[in-house]
């Protein structure tokens, strides 16, 4: 137990030291870029909060791509401030591009925090109620009704002889049917097809059978 507490205490102390140093570096960069007063202290808070929010989304397993993107952005801002204050940047003469990045960071942090805190909800299928399950179960176990005998004996109709239709006429009929469907939203019927093509009724029926 004491060994576990010693490891936990060491980790906490190390985390506090790292957080304090990173916090101070971000504050120094913001102050050097013209964000003085309380605004310089707000910048490191926004960077750390965005980093923690992205890490929590990664741990929860949701939105891997966007979570990694915002995690890298926040980590780059933190590491960039640490490296810049290590003597690679003249704090008294901050370049214009760094002032632009610092001035635009609040909008970036707000966008990332909002997307991480309020992800897009996924549509879930509606669950069937108990009443629906009972109705379905009753329908499955209900006996099937016996088929009713036909009232009149079926009379066999003599088959009509097949009407030869040229292939070119069939292709033209397909174009006419497609144009009718695109214009009205419903398939073309046989009388309309006959009127559009100007062919006899048997040939129009034969063409309609090939289009079906």
N, C-alpha and C. Protein backbone atom coordinates (compact mmCIF):
# COMPACT_ATOMS: atom_id res chain seq x y z
N UNK A 1 0.83 -1.20 0.00
CA UNK A 1 0.00 0.00 0.00
C UNK A 1 0.87 1.26 0.00
N UNK A 2 1.90 1.28 0.84
CA UNK A 2 2.79 2.44 0.89
C UNK A 2 3.54 2.62 -0.43
N UNK A 3 3.94 1.48 -1.04
CA UNK A 3 4.63 1.58 -2.32
C UNK A 3 3.71 2.16 -3.39
N UNK A 4 2.42 1.76 -3.37
CA UNK A 4 1.46 2.31 -4.32
C UNK A 4 1.27 3.80 -4.11
N UNK A 5 1.16 4.22 -2.84
CA UNK A 5 1.01 5.63 -2.56
C UNK A 5 2.24 6.42 -2.99
N UNK A 6 3.42 5.82 -2.81
CA UNK A 6 4.65 6.50 -3.22
C UNK A 6 4.68 6.71 -4.72
N UNK A 7 4.23 5.67 -5.50
CA UNK A 7 4.21 5.82 -6.96
C UNK A 7 3.19 6.86 -7.38
N UNK A 8 2.01 6.83 -6.73
CA UNK A 8 0.97 7.80 -7.08
C UNK A 8 1.44 9.22 -6.76
N UNK A 9 2.05 9.39 -5.59
CA UNK A 9 2.53 10.73 -5.22
C UNK A 9 3.59 11.22 -6.19
N UNK A 10 4.49 10.35 -6.61
CA UNK A 10 5.52 10.75 -7.55
C UNK A 10 4.92 11.17 -8.89
N UNK A 11 3.90 10.43 -9.35
CA UNK A 11 3.25 10.77 -10.61
C UNK A 11 2.54 12.12 -10.49
N UNK A 12 1.85 12.32 -9.37
CA UNK A 12 1.12 13.58 -9.19
C UNK A 12 2.08 14.77 -9.13
N UNK A 13 3.19 14.60 -8.42
CA UNK A 13 4.16 15.69 -8.32
C UNK A 13 4.74 16.00 -9.70
N UNK A 14 5.06 14.95 -10.46
CA UNK A 14 5.61 15.16 -11.80
C UNK A 14 4.59 15.86 -12.71
N UNK A 15 3.32 15.45 -12.60
CA UNK A 15 2.28 16.07 -13.42
C UNK A 15 2.07 17.53 -13.05
N UNK A 16 2.11 17.83 -11.76
CA UNK A 16 1.95 19.22 -11.32
C UNK A 16 3.10 20.10 -11.80
N UNK A 17 4.31 19.57 -11.75
CA UNK A 17 5.47 20.35 -12.21
C UNK A 17 5.37 20.62 -13.71
N UNK A 18 5.05 19.58 -14.48
CA UNK A 18 4.94 19.75 -15.93
C UNK A 18 3.82 20.72 -16.29
N UNK A 19 2.68 20.61 -15.59
CA UNK A 19 1.57 21.49 -15.88
C UNK A 19 1.91 22.94 -15.54
N UNK A 20 2.59 23.14 -14.42
CA UNK A 20 2.96 24.51 -14.03
C UNK A 20 3.93 25.13 -15.03
N UNK A 21 4.92 24.37 -15.48
CA UNK A 21 5.87 24.91 -16.45
C UNK A 21 5.20 25.23 -17.78
N UNK A 22 4.36 24.31 -18.26
CA UNK A 22 3.67 24.56 -19.52
C UNK A 22 2.72 25.75 -19.38
N UNK A 23 2.06 25.86 -18.22
CA UNK A 23 1.16 26.97 -17.98
C UNK A 23 1.92 28.29 -18.04
N UNK A 24 3.10 28.33 -17.42
CA UNK A 24 3.89 29.56 -17.40
C UNK A 24 4.39 29.93 -18.79
N UNK A 25 4.79 28.93 -19.58
CA UNK A 25 5.29 29.21 -20.93
C UNK A 25 4.18 29.78 -21.82
N UNK A 26 2.99 29.20 -21.72
CA UNK A 26 1.88 29.71 -22.51
C UNK A 26 1.52 31.14 -22.07
N UNK A 27 1.57 31.40 -20.78
CA UNK A 27 1.30 32.75 -20.29
C UNK A 27 2.32 33.75 -20.83
N UNK A 28 3.60 33.36 -20.85
CA UNK A 28 4.64 34.26 -21.33
C UNK A 28 4.47 34.56 -22.82
N UNK A 29 4.11 33.53 -23.60
CA UNK A 29 3.91 33.74 -25.04
C UNK A 29 2.72 34.66 -25.28
N UNK A 30 1.61 34.45 -24.56
CA UNK A 30 0.44 35.29 -24.74
C UNK A 30 0.73 36.73 -24.34
N UNK A 31 1.46 36.91 -23.24
CA UNK A 31 1.79 38.26 -22.80
C UNK A 31 2.73 38.95 -23.79
N UNK A 32 3.68 38.21 -24.35
CA UNK A 32 4.60 38.80 -25.32
C UNK A 32 3.89 39.17 -26.61
N UNK A 33 2.79 38.44 -26.95
CA UNK A 33 2.04 38.71 -28.17
C UNK A 33 1.01 39.82 -27.99
N UNK A 34 1.03 40.50 -26.84
CA UNK A 34 0.14 41.63 -26.63
C UNK A 34 -1.10 41.33 -25.83
N UNK A 35 -1.26 40.10 -25.33
CA UNK A 35 -2.43 39.74 -24.53
C UNK A 35 -2.05 39.87 -23.05
N UNK A 36 -2.17 41.08 -22.53
CA UNK A 36 -1.72 41.32 -21.16
C UNK A 36 -2.87 41.16 -20.17
N UNK A 37 -2.53 41.21 -18.89
CA UNK A 37 -3.55 41.12 -17.84
C UNK A 37 -4.13 39.72 -17.72
N UNK A 38 -5.43 39.68 -17.44
CA UNK A 38 -6.10 38.39 -17.24
C UNK A 38 -6.15 37.56 -18.51
N UNK A 39 -6.07 38.22 -19.67
CA UNK A 39 -6.12 37.48 -20.93
C UNK A 39 -4.91 36.57 -21.09
N UNK A 40 -3.75 37.00 -20.62
CA UNK A 40 -2.57 36.14 -20.72
C UNK A 40 -2.72 34.89 -19.87
N UNK A 41 -3.44 34.97 -18.74
CA UNK A 41 -3.67 33.79 -17.91
C UNK A 41 -4.76 32.89 -18.49
N UNK A 42 -5.67 33.45 -19.28
CA UNK A 42 -6.75 32.64 -19.84
C UNK A 42 -6.27 31.74 -20.97
N UNK A 43 -5.21 32.14 -21.67
CA UNK A 43 -4.72 31.33 -22.79
C UNK A 43 -4.25 29.94 -22.36
N UNK A 44 -3.39 29.80 -21.36
CA UNK A 44 -2.98 28.45 -20.96
C UNK A 44 -4.13 27.61 -20.44
N UNK A 45 -5.13 28.26 -19.82
CA UNK A 45 -6.29 27.49 -19.35
C UNK A 45 -7.04 26.90 -20.54
N UNK A 46 -7.24 27.71 -21.60
CA UNK A 46 -7.98 27.20 -22.76
C UNK A 46 -7.22 26.08 -23.47
N UNK A 47 -5.89 26.19 -23.53
CA UNK A 47 -5.10 25.13 -24.16
C UNK A 47 -5.20 23.83 -23.36
N UNK A 48 -5.05 23.93 -22.04
CA UNK A 48 -5.10 22.72 -21.21
C UNK A 48 -6.50 22.10 -21.22
N UNK A 49 -7.55 22.92 -21.19
CA UNK A 49 -8.91 22.38 -21.23
C UNK A 49 -9.19 21.67 -22.55
N UNK A 50 -8.73 22.23 -23.66
CA UNK A 50 -8.92 21.56 -24.95
C UNK A 50 -8.15 20.25 -25.01
N UNK A 51 -6.97 20.23 -24.42
CA UNK A 51 -6.17 19.00 -24.39
C UNK A 51 -6.86 17.92 -23.55
N UNK A 52 -7.39 18.31 -22.40
CA UNK A 52 -8.09 17.34 -21.53
C UNK A 52 -9.37 16.85 -22.19
N UNK A 53 -10.14 17.75 -22.84
CA UNK A 53 -11.39 17.34 -23.49
C UNK A 53 -11.13 16.35 -24.62
N UNK A 54 -10.08 16.61 -25.41
CA UNK A 54 -9.75 15.67 -26.50
C UNK A 54 -9.31 14.32 -25.95
N UNK A 55 -8.55 14.33 -24.86
CA UNK A 55 -8.10 13.07 -24.26
C UNK A 55 -9.27 12.26 -23.69
N UNK A 56 -10.24 12.96 -23.10
CA UNK A 56 -11.41 12.26 -22.56
C UNK A 56 -12.23 11.62 -23.68
N UNK A 57 -12.36 12.32 -24.82
CA UNK A 57 -13.08 11.74 -25.94
C UNK A 57 -12.34 10.52 -26.49
N UNK A 58 -11.02 10.58 -26.52
CA UNK A 58 -10.25 9.43 -26.98
C UNK A 58 -10.42 8.25 -26.04
N UNK A 59 -10.45 8.51 -24.73
CA UNK A 59 -10.62 7.42 -23.77
C UNK A 59 -12.02 6.82 -23.84
N UNK A 60 -13.01 7.63 -24.17
CA UNK A 60 -14.38 7.12 -24.26
C UNK A 60 -14.63 6.33 -25.54
N UNK A 61 -13.74 6.47 -26.52
CA UNK A 61 -13.88 5.69 -27.76
C UNK A 61 -14.76 6.33 -28.80
N UNK A 62 -15.16 7.59 -28.65
CA UNK A 62 -16.03 8.24 -29.63
C UNK A 62 -15.28 9.26 -30.45
N UNK A 63 -15.57 9.33 -31.76
CA UNK A 63 -14.97 10.32 -32.63
C UNK A 63 -13.46 10.28 -32.66
N UNK A 64 -12.89 9.14 -33.02
CA UNK A 64 -11.44 8.98 -32.98
C UNK A 64 -10.73 10.01 -33.85
N UNK A 65 -11.22 10.21 -35.08
CA UNK A 65 -10.54 11.14 -35.99
C UNK A 65 -10.54 12.57 -35.48
N UNK A 66 -11.72 13.10 -35.12
CA UNK A 66 -11.80 14.47 -34.64
C UNK A 66 -11.11 14.64 -33.30
N UNK A 67 -11.19 13.63 -32.43
CA UNK A 67 -10.54 13.73 -31.12
C UNK A 67 -9.03 13.81 -31.27
N UNK A 68 -8.46 12.97 -32.14
CA UNK A 68 -7.02 13.03 -32.38
C UNK A 68 -6.62 14.36 -33.01
N UNK A 69 -7.45 14.90 -33.89
CA UNK A 69 -7.15 16.17 -34.53
C UNK A 69 -7.04 17.30 -33.49
N UNK A 70 -8.03 17.41 -32.61
CA UNK A 70 -7.99 18.48 -31.60
C UNK A 70 -6.94 18.21 -30.54
N UNK A 71 -6.66 16.95 -30.26
CA UNK A 71 -5.60 16.63 -29.31
C UNK A 71 -4.24 17.09 -29.85
N UNK A 72 -3.99 16.85 -31.14
CA UNK A 72 -2.73 17.26 -31.76
C UNK A 72 -2.64 18.79 -31.81
N UNK A 73 -3.77 19.47 -32.09
CA UNK A 73 -3.75 20.94 -32.14
C UNK A 73 -3.39 21.52 -30.77
N UNK A 74 -4.03 21.02 -29.71
CA UNK A 74 -3.74 21.53 -28.37
C UNK A 74 -2.32 21.18 -27.94
N UNK A 75 -1.87 19.96 -28.26
CA UNK A 75 -0.52 19.55 -27.90
C UNK A 75 0.52 20.38 -28.66
N UNK A 76 0.24 20.72 -29.92
CA UNK A 76 1.16 21.56 -30.69
C UNK A 76 1.25 22.96 -30.09
N UNK A 77 0.11 23.50 -29.65
CA UNK A 77 0.14 24.82 -29.02
C UNK A 77 0.95 24.80 -27.74
N UNK A 78 0.80 23.75 -26.93
CA UNK A 78 1.54 23.66 -25.67
C UNK A 78 3.04 23.45 -25.91
N UNK A 79 3.37 22.51 -26.81
CA UNK A 79 4.78 22.26 -27.10
C UNK A 79 5.43 23.46 -27.79
N UNK A 80 4.66 24.13 -28.66
CA UNK A 80 5.21 25.29 -29.33
C UNK A 80 5.58 26.41 -28.37
N UNK A 81 4.74 26.61 -27.35
CA UNK A 81 5.07 27.62 -26.36
C UNK A 81 6.29 27.22 -25.54
N UNK A 82 6.41 25.94 -25.21
CA UNK A 82 7.57 25.48 -24.44
C UNK A 82 8.86 25.66 -25.23
N UNK A 83 8.81 25.31 -26.51
CA UNK A 83 10.02 25.42 -27.34
C UNK A 83 10.35 26.89 -27.61
N UNK A 84 9.32 27.71 -27.85
CA UNK A 84 9.56 29.11 -28.17
C UNK A 84 10.19 29.87 -27.02
N UNK A 85 9.84 29.50 -25.80
CA UNK A 85 10.40 30.21 -24.63
C UNK A 85 11.73 29.63 -24.18
N UNK A 86 12.26 28.67 -24.92
CA UNK A 86 13.55 28.06 -24.55
C UNK A 86 14.72 28.80 -25.18
N UNK A 87 14.52 30.04 -25.64
CA UNK A 87 15.59 30.82 -26.23
C UNK A 87 15.55 30.89 -27.74
N UNK A 88 14.59 30.21 -28.37
CA UNK A 88 14.49 30.24 -29.83
C UNK A 88 13.70 31.45 -30.32
N UNK A 89 13.04 32.17 -29.43
CA UNK A 89 12.21 33.30 -29.82
C UNK A 89 12.54 34.49 -28.94
N UNK A 90 12.67 35.63 -29.57
CA UNK A 90 12.92 36.87 -28.83
C UNK A 90 11.58 37.38 -28.29
N UNK A 91 11.39 37.28 -26.98
CA UNK A 91 10.13 37.65 -26.37
C UNK A 91 9.84 39.14 -26.57
N UNK A 92 10.87 39.95 -26.69
CA UNK A 92 10.67 41.39 -26.82
C UNK A 92 10.35 41.81 -28.26
N UNK A 93 10.60 40.93 -29.23
CA UNK A 93 10.27 41.22 -30.62
C UNK A 93 9.55 40.01 -31.22
N UNK A 94 8.28 39.90 -30.89
CA UNK A 94 7.47 38.76 -31.36
C UNK A 94 7.08 38.99 -32.81
N UNK A 95 7.25 38.01 -33.70
CA UNK A 95 6.88 38.20 -35.11
C UNK A 95 5.37 38.35 -35.28
N UNK A 96 4.99 38.91 -36.43
CA UNK A 96 3.57 39.18 -36.68
C UNK A 96 2.75 37.90 -36.77
N UNK A 97 3.32 36.84 -37.37
CA UNK A 97 2.54 35.61 -37.51
C UNK A 97 2.19 34.99 -36.17
N UNK A 98 3.09 35.15 -35.16
CA UNK A 98 2.78 34.62 -33.84
C UNK A 98 1.68 35.44 -33.17
N UNK A 99 1.67 36.73 -33.39
CA UNK A 99 0.60 37.56 -32.85
C UNK A 99 -0.75 37.17 -33.45
N UNK A 100 -0.72 36.84 -34.75
CA UNK A 100 -1.96 36.41 -35.41
C UNK A 100 -2.45 35.09 -34.83
N UNK A 101 -1.53 34.12 -34.62
CA UNK A 101 -1.91 32.83 -34.06
C UNK A 101 -2.48 32.98 -32.65
N UNK A 102 -1.83 33.80 -31.84
CA UNK A 102 -2.30 33.99 -30.47
C UNK A 102 -3.66 34.68 -30.46
N UNK A 103 -3.86 35.67 -31.34
CA UNK A 103 -5.14 36.37 -31.39
C UNK A 103 -6.27 35.48 -31.89
N UNK A 104 -5.97 34.54 -32.77
CA UNK A 104 -7.00 33.65 -33.30
C UNK A 104 -7.23 32.40 -32.49
N UNK A 105 -6.40 32.13 -31.49
CA UNK A 105 -6.54 30.90 -30.71
C UNK A 105 -7.88 30.79 -29.98
N UNK A 106 -8.45 31.86 -29.38
CA UNK A 106 -9.73 31.69 -28.67
C UNK A 106 -10.83 31.12 -29.55
N UNK A 107 -10.92 31.57 -30.81
CA UNK A 107 -11.95 31.03 -31.70
C UNK A 107 -11.71 29.55 -31.98
N UNK A 108 -10.43 29.17 -32.19
CA UNK A 108 -10.11 27.76 -32.45
C UNK A 108 -10.43 26.90 -31.22
N UNK A 109 -10.08 27.38 -30.02
CA UNK A 109 -10.35 26.63 -28.81
C UNK A 109 -11.84 26.51 -28.55
N UNK A 110 -12.60 27.56 -28.84
CA UNK A 110 -14.06 27.50 -28.65
C UNK A 110 -14.69 26.48 -29.60
N UNK A 111 -14.25 26.49 -30.86
CA UNK A 111 -14.79 25.53 -31.83
C UNK A 111 -14.45 24.10 -31.42
N UNK A 112 -13.18 23.86 -31.07
CA UNK A 112 -12.81 22.50 -30.68
C UNK A 112 -13.52 22.04 -29.42
N UNK A 113 -13.62 22.90 -28.41
CA UNK A 113 -14.32 22.51 -27.19
C UNK A 113 -15.78 22.22 -27.42
N UNK A 114 -16.42 23.01 -28.28
CA UNK A 114 -17.84 22.77 -28.57
C UNK A 114 -18.05 21.45 -29.29
N UNK A 115 -17.22 21.16 -30.29
CA UNK A 115 -17.36 19.91 -31.03
C UNK A 115 -17.06 18.70 -30.16
N UNK A 116 -16.12 18.82 -29.22
CA UNK A 116 -15.79 17.70 -28.35
C UNK A 116 -16.83 17.50 -27.27
N UNK A 117 -17.40 18.59 -26.77
CA UNK A 117 -18.38 18.46 -25.69
C UNK A 117 -19.77 18.11 -26.19
N UNK A 118 -20.09 18.48 -27.44
CA UNK A 118 -21.42 18.22 -28.00
C UNK A 118 -21.27 17.51 -29.34
N UNK A 119 -20.96 16.22 -29.33
CA UNK A 119 -20.82 15.49 -30.60
C UNK A 119 -22.16 15.31 -31.28
N UNK A 120 -22.13 14.99 -32.57
CA UNK A 120 -23.35 14.76 -33.32
C UNK A 120 -24.00 13.47 -32.87
N UNK A 121 -25.29 13.49 -32.45
CA UNK A 121 -25.93 12.26 -32.00
C UNK A 121 -26.16 11.30 -33.15
N UNK A 122 -26.00 10.02 -32.89
CA UNK A 122 -26.22 8.99 -33.90
C UNK A 122 -27.64 8.46 -33.77
N UNK A 123 -28.27 8.24 -34.92
CA UNK A 123 -29.64 7.75 -34.93
C UNK A 123 -29.68 6.30 -34.49
N UNK A 124 -30.56 6.00 -33.53
CA UNK A 124 -30.71 4.64 -33.04
C UNK A 124 -32.04 4.08 -33.52
N UNK A 125 -32.07 2.80 -33.88
CA UNK A 125 -33.33 2.21 -34.34
C UNK A 125 -34.35 2.17 -33.21
N UNK A 126 -35.61 2.42 -33.58
CA UNK A 126 -36.68 2.37 -32.59
C UNK A 126 -36.89 0.95 -32.11
N UNK A 127 -37.01 0.79 -30.80
CA UNK A 127 -37.24 -0.52 -30.21
C UNK A 127 -38.72 -0.84 -30.25
N UNK A 128 -39.03 -2.08 -30.53
CA UNK A 128 -40.43 -2.50 -30.57
C UNK A 128 -41.00 -2.57 -29.16
N UNK A 129 -42.23 -2.11 -28.99
CA UNK A 129 -42.88 -2.16 -27.69
C UNK A 129 -43.38 -3.56 -27.40
N UNK A 130 -43.78 -3.77 -26.12
CA UNK A 130 -44.27 -5.10 -25.73
C UNK A 130 -45.55 -5.44 -26.49
N UNK A 131 -46.39 -4.41 -26.74
CA UNK A 131 -47.63 -4.66 -27.47
C UNK A 131 -47.34 -5.15 -28.88
N UNK A 132 -46.34 -4.52 -29.55
CA UNK A 132 -45.98 -4.95 -30.90
C UNK A 132 -45.46 -6.37 -30.90
N UNK A 133 -44.66 -6.74 -29.88
CA UNK A 133 -44.12 -8.09 -29.80
C UNK A 133 -45.25 -9.10 -29.61
N UNK A 134 -46.24 -8.76 -28.76
CA UNK A 134 -47.34 -9.69 -28.53
C UNK A 134 -48.17 -9.87 -29.79
N UNK A 135 -48.41 -8.78 -30.52
CA UNK A 135 -49.20 -8.88 -31.74
C UNK A 135 -48.50 -9.73 -32.77
N UNK A 136 -47.17 -9.53 -32.90
CA UNK A 136 -46.41 -10.33 -33.85
C UNK A 136 -46.42 -11.80 -33.46
N UNK A 137 -46.26 -12.07 -32.14
CA UNK A 137 -46.29 -13.46 -31.67
C UNK A 137 -47.62 -14.13 -31.92
N UNK A 138 -48.73 -13.38 -31.70
CA UNK A 138 -50.05 -13.94 -31.95
C UNK A 138 -50.26 -14.24 -33.43
N UNK A 139 -49.72 -13.37 -34.29
CA UNK A 139 -49.87 -13.61 -35.72
C UNK A 139 -49.08 -14.82 -36.17
N UNK A 140 -47.90 -15.04 -35.53
CA UNK A 140 -47.08 -16.19 -35.92
C UNK A 140 -47.74 -17.50 -35.53
N UNK A 141 -48.41 -17.54 -34.35
CA UNK A 141 -49.00 -18.79 -33.86
C UNK A 141 -50.45 -18.97 -34.31
N UNK A 142 -51.05 -17.99 -34.93
CA UNK A 142 -52.44 -18.13 -35.36
C UNK A 142 -52.53 -19.11 -36.51
N UNK A 143 -53.59 -19.96 -36.54
CA UNK A 143 -53.74 -20.92 -37.65
C UNK A 143 -54.06 -20.20 -38.95
N UNK A 144 -53.48 -20.70 -40.02
CA UNK A 144 -53.71 -20.09 -41.31
C UNK A 144 -55.10 -20.47 -41.82
N UNK A 145 -55.87 -19.52 -42.35
CA UNK A 145 -57.21 -19.85 -42.86
C UNK A 145 -57.13 -20.75 -44.09
N UNK A 146 -58.09 -21.64 -44.19
CA UNK A 146 -58.13 -22.56 -45.33
C UNK A 146 -58.46 -21.79 -46.59
N UNK A 147 -57.83 -22.12 -47.70
CA UNK A 147 -58.13 -21.42 -48.95
C UNK A 147 -59.55 -21.69 -49.43
N UNK A 148 -60.23 -20.65 -49.87
CA UNK A 148 -61.59 -20.80 -50.34
C UNK A 148 -61.60 -21.33 -51.76
N UNK A 149 -62.52 -22.24 -52.05
CA UNK A 149 -62.60 -22.76 -53.42
C UNK A 149 -63.08 -21.66 -54.37
N UNK A 150 -62.64 -21.67 -55.59
CA UNK A 150 -63.09 -20.64 -56.55
C UNK A 150 -64.58 -20.75 -56.81
N UNK A 151 -65.25 -19.62 -56.95
CA UNK A 151 -66.70 -19.61 -57.18
C UNK A 151 -67.05 -20.22 -58.54
N UNK A 152 -66.24 -19.97 -59.51
CA UNK A 152 -66.48 -20.50 -60.85
C UNK A 152 -65.21 -21.15 -61.37
N UNK A 153 -65.35 -22.21 -62.09
CA UNK A 153 -64.14 -22.86 -62.64
C UNK A 153 -63.42 -21.91 -63.58
N UNK A 154 -62.11 -21.94 -63.46
CA UNK A 154 -61.29 -21.06 -64.30
C UNK A 154 -61.41 -21.47 -65.76
N UNK A 155 -61.62 -20.49 -66.58
CA UNK A 155 -61.75 -20.73 -68.02
C UNK A 155 -60.43 -20.39 -68.67
N UNK A 156 -59.87 -21.34 -69.30
CA UNK A 156 -58.60 -21.13 -69.97
C UNK A 156 -58.79 -20.23 -71.17
N UNK A 157 -57.96 -19.15 -71.20
CA UNK A 157 -58.01 -18.24 -72.33
C UNK A 157 -57.01 -18.71 -73.39
N UNK A 158 -57.43 -18.67 -74.61
CA UNK A 158 -56.47 -19.06 -75.66
C UNK A 158 -55.32 -18.06 -75.73
N UNK A 159 -54.15 -18.59 -75.84
CA UNK A 159 -52.97 -17.74 -75.92
C UNK A 159 -52.94 -17.00 -77.26
N UNK A 160 -52.60 -15.71 -77.15
CA UNK A 160 -52.48 -14.92 -78.37
C UNK A 160 -51.14 -15.22 -79.04
N UNK A 161 -51.15 -15.22 -80.33
CA UNK A 161 -49.86 -15.44 -81.01
C UNK A 161 -48.92 -14.28 -80.75
N UNK A 162 -47.67 -14.59 -80.61
CA UNK A 162 -46.66 -13.57 -80.34
C UNK A 162 -46.55 -12.63 -81.53
N UNK A 163 -46.52 -11.31 -81.21
CA UNK A 163 -46.41 -10.30 -82.25
C UNK A 163 -44.95 -9.94 -82.42
N UNK A 164 -44.38 -10.08 -83.60
CA UNK A 164 -42.96 -9.71 -83.78
C UNK A 164 -42.80 -8.19 -83.65
N UNK A 165 -41.80 -7.80 -82.88
CA UNK A 165 -41.53 -6.38 -82.67
C UNK A 165 -40.08 -6.11 -83.07
N UNK A 166 -39.83 -5.17 -83.92
CA UNK A 166 -38.43 -4.85 -84.30
C UNK A 166 -37.65 -4.34 -83.08
N UNK A 167 -36.37 -4.67 -83.06
CA UNK A 167 -35.52 -4.25 -81.94
C UNK A 167 -35.40 -2.73 -81.87
N UNK A 168 -35.37 -2.07 -83.02
CA UNK A 168 -35.26 -0.61 -83.02
C UNK A 168 -36.49 0.04 -82.40
N UNK A 169 -37.67 -0.58 -82.65
CA UNK A 169 -38.89 -0.04 -82.06
C UNK A 169 -38.91 -0.24 -80.54
N UNK A 170 -38.37 -1.35 -80.09
CA UNK A 170 -38.29 -1.59 -78.65
C UNK A 170 -37.37 -0.56 -77.97
N UNK A 171 -36.23 -0.26 -78.60
CA UNK A 171 -35.31 0.72 -78.03
C UNK A 171 -35.95 2.11 -78.00
N UNK A 172 -36.69 2.43 -79.07
CA UNK A 172 -37.40 3.72 -79.08
C UNK A 172 -38.45 3.76 -77.98
N UNK A 173 -39.13 2.63 -77.76
CA UNK A 173 -40.15 2.58 -76.71
C UNK A 173 -39.53 2.73 -75.33
N UNK A 174 -38.33 2.20 -75.15
CA UNK A 174 -37.65 2.38 -73.86
C UNK A 174 -37.35 3.86 -73.58
N UNK A 175 -36.92 4.57 -74.61
CA UNK A 175 -36.65 6.00 -74.43
C UNK A 175 -37.93 6.76 -74.11
N UNK A 176 -39.03 6.40 -74.79
CA UNK A 176 -40.31 7.05 -74.54
C UNK A 176 -40.77 6.76 -73.11
N UNK A 177 -40.62 5.51 -72.65
CA UNK A 177 -41.03 5.14 -71.30
C UNK A 177 -40.18 5.85 -70.25
N UNK A 178 -38.88 5.95 -70.52
CA UNK A 178 -38.00 6.64 -69.57
C UNK A 178 -38.34 8.12 -69.49
N UNK A 179 -38.62 8.75 -70.63
CA UNK A 179 -38.98 10.17 -70.62
C UNK A 179 -40.30 10.39 -69.89
N UNK A 180 -41.26 9.49 -70.08
CA UNK A 180 -42.55 9.60 -69.38
C UNK A 180 -42.38 9.43 -67.88
N UNK A 181 -41.56 8.47 -67.46
CA UNK A 181 -41.33 8.25 -66.02
C UNK A 181 -40.61 9.43 -65.38
N UNK A 182 -39.64 10.03 -66.11
CA UNK A 182 -38.93 11.17 -65.55
C UNK A 182 -39.83 12.40 -65.44
N UNK A 183 -40.80 12.53 -66.36
CA UNK A 183 -41.67 13.71 -66.36
C UNK A 183 -42.83 13.56 -65.40
N UNK A 184 -43.40 12.35 -65.28
CA UNK A 184 -44.60 12.18 -64.44
C UNK A 184 -44.31 11.48 -63.12
N UNK A 185 -43.21 10.73 -63.05
CA UNK A 185 -42.90 10.00 -61.82
C UNK A 185 -43.56 8.64 -61.74
N UNK A 186 -44.34 8.20 -62.73
CA UNK A 186 -45.01 6.90 -62.74
C UNK A 186 -44.65 6.19 -64.05
N UNK A 187 -44.63 4.84 -64.02
CA UNK A 187 -44.34 4.12 -65.26
C UNK A 187 -45.43 4.36 -66.31
N UNK A 188 -45.04 4.25 -67.54
CA UNK A 188 -45.99 4.47 -68.63
C UNK A 188 -46.89 3.25 -68.77
N UNK A 189 -48.18 3.49 -69.04
CA UNK A 189 -49.12 2.38 -69.23
C UNK A 189 -49.22 2.05 -70.73
N UNK A 190 -49.91 0.93 -71.01
CA UNK A 190 -49.97 0.44 -72.39
C UNK A 190 -50.74 1.39 -73.31
N UNK A 191 -51.90 1.92 -72.91
CA UNK A 191 -52.59 2.85 -73.83
C UNK A 191 -51.76 4.08 -74.16
N UNK A 192 -51.08 4.64 -73.14
CA UNK A 192 -50.24 5.82 -73.41
C UNK A 192 -49.09 5.45 -74.34
N UNK A 193 -48.48 4.28 -74.10
CA UNK A 193 -47.38 3.85 -74.96
C UNK A 193 -47.86 3.64 -76.39
N UNK A 194 -49.06 3.08 -76.53
CA UNK A 194 -49.61 2.87 -77.88
C UNK A 194 -49.84 4.21 -78.57
N UNK A 195 -50.37 5.19 -77.82
CA UNK A 195 -50.63 6.50 -78.41
C UNK A 195 -49.34 7.21 -78.79
N UNK A 196 -48.31 7.08 -77.97
CA UNK A 196 -47.05 7.75 -78.28
C UNK A 196 -46.34 7.13 -79.48
N UNK A 197 -46.46 5.78 -79.60
CA UNK A 197 -45.76 5.11 -80.69
C UNK A 197 -46.58 5.04 -81.96
N UNK A 198 -47.93 5.09 -81.81
CA UNK A 198 -48.78 4.98 -82.99
C UNK A 198 -48.79 3.59 -83.58
N UNK A 199 -48.87 2.57 -82.71
CA UNK A 199 -48.86 1.18 -83.18
C UNK A 199 -50.17 0.51 -82.76
N UNK A 200 -50.52 -0.64 -83.37
CA UNK A 200 -51.75 -1.36 -82.97
C UNK A 200 -51.66 -1.85 -81.52
N UNK A 201 -52.83 -2.18 -80.99
CA UNK A 201 -52.90 -2.61 -79.59
C UNK A 201 -52.09 -3.88 -79.33
N UNK A 202 -52.18 -4.94 -80.18
CA UNK A 202 -51.37 -6.13 -79.89
C UNK A 202 -49.87 -5.84 -79.86
N UNK A 203 -49.39 -5.01 -80.78
CA UNK A 203 -47.96 -4.69 -80.78
C UNK A 203 -47.59 -3.86 -79.57
N UNK A 204 -48.49 -2.94 -79.15
CA UNK A 204 -48.21 -2.13 -77.96
C UNK A 204 -48.12 -3.03 -76.72
N UNK A 205 -48.98 -4.05 -76.64
CA UNK A 205 -48.93 -4.97 -75.51
C UNK A 205 -47.63 -5.79 -75.54
N UNK A 206 -47.22 -6.20 -76.73
CA UNK A 206 -45.98 -6.96 -76.84
C UNK A 206 -44.78 -6.10 -76.45
N UNK A 207 -44.79 -4.83 -76.84
CA UNK A 207 -43.69 -3.94 -76.46
C UNK A 207 -43.69 -3.70 -74.96
N UNK A 208 -44.88 -3.50 -74.37
CA UNK A 208 -44.97 -3.27 -72.92
C UNK A 208 -44.48 -4.49 -72.15
N UNK A 209 -44.74 -5.71 -72.68
CA UNK A 209 -44.24 -6.90 -72.00
C UNK A 209 -42.73 -6.96 -72.00
N UNK A 210 -42.10 -6.49 -73.08
CA UNK A 210 -40.63 -6.49 -73.13
C UNK A 210 -40.03 -5.38 -72.27
N UNK A 211 -40.79 -4.31 -72.06
CA UNK A 211 -40.28 -3.23 -71.21
C UNK A 211 -40.44 -3.54 -69.73
N UNK A 212 -41.31 -4.46 -69.37
CA UNK A 212 -41.56 -4.76 -67.95
C UNK A 212 -40.35 -5.43 -67.32
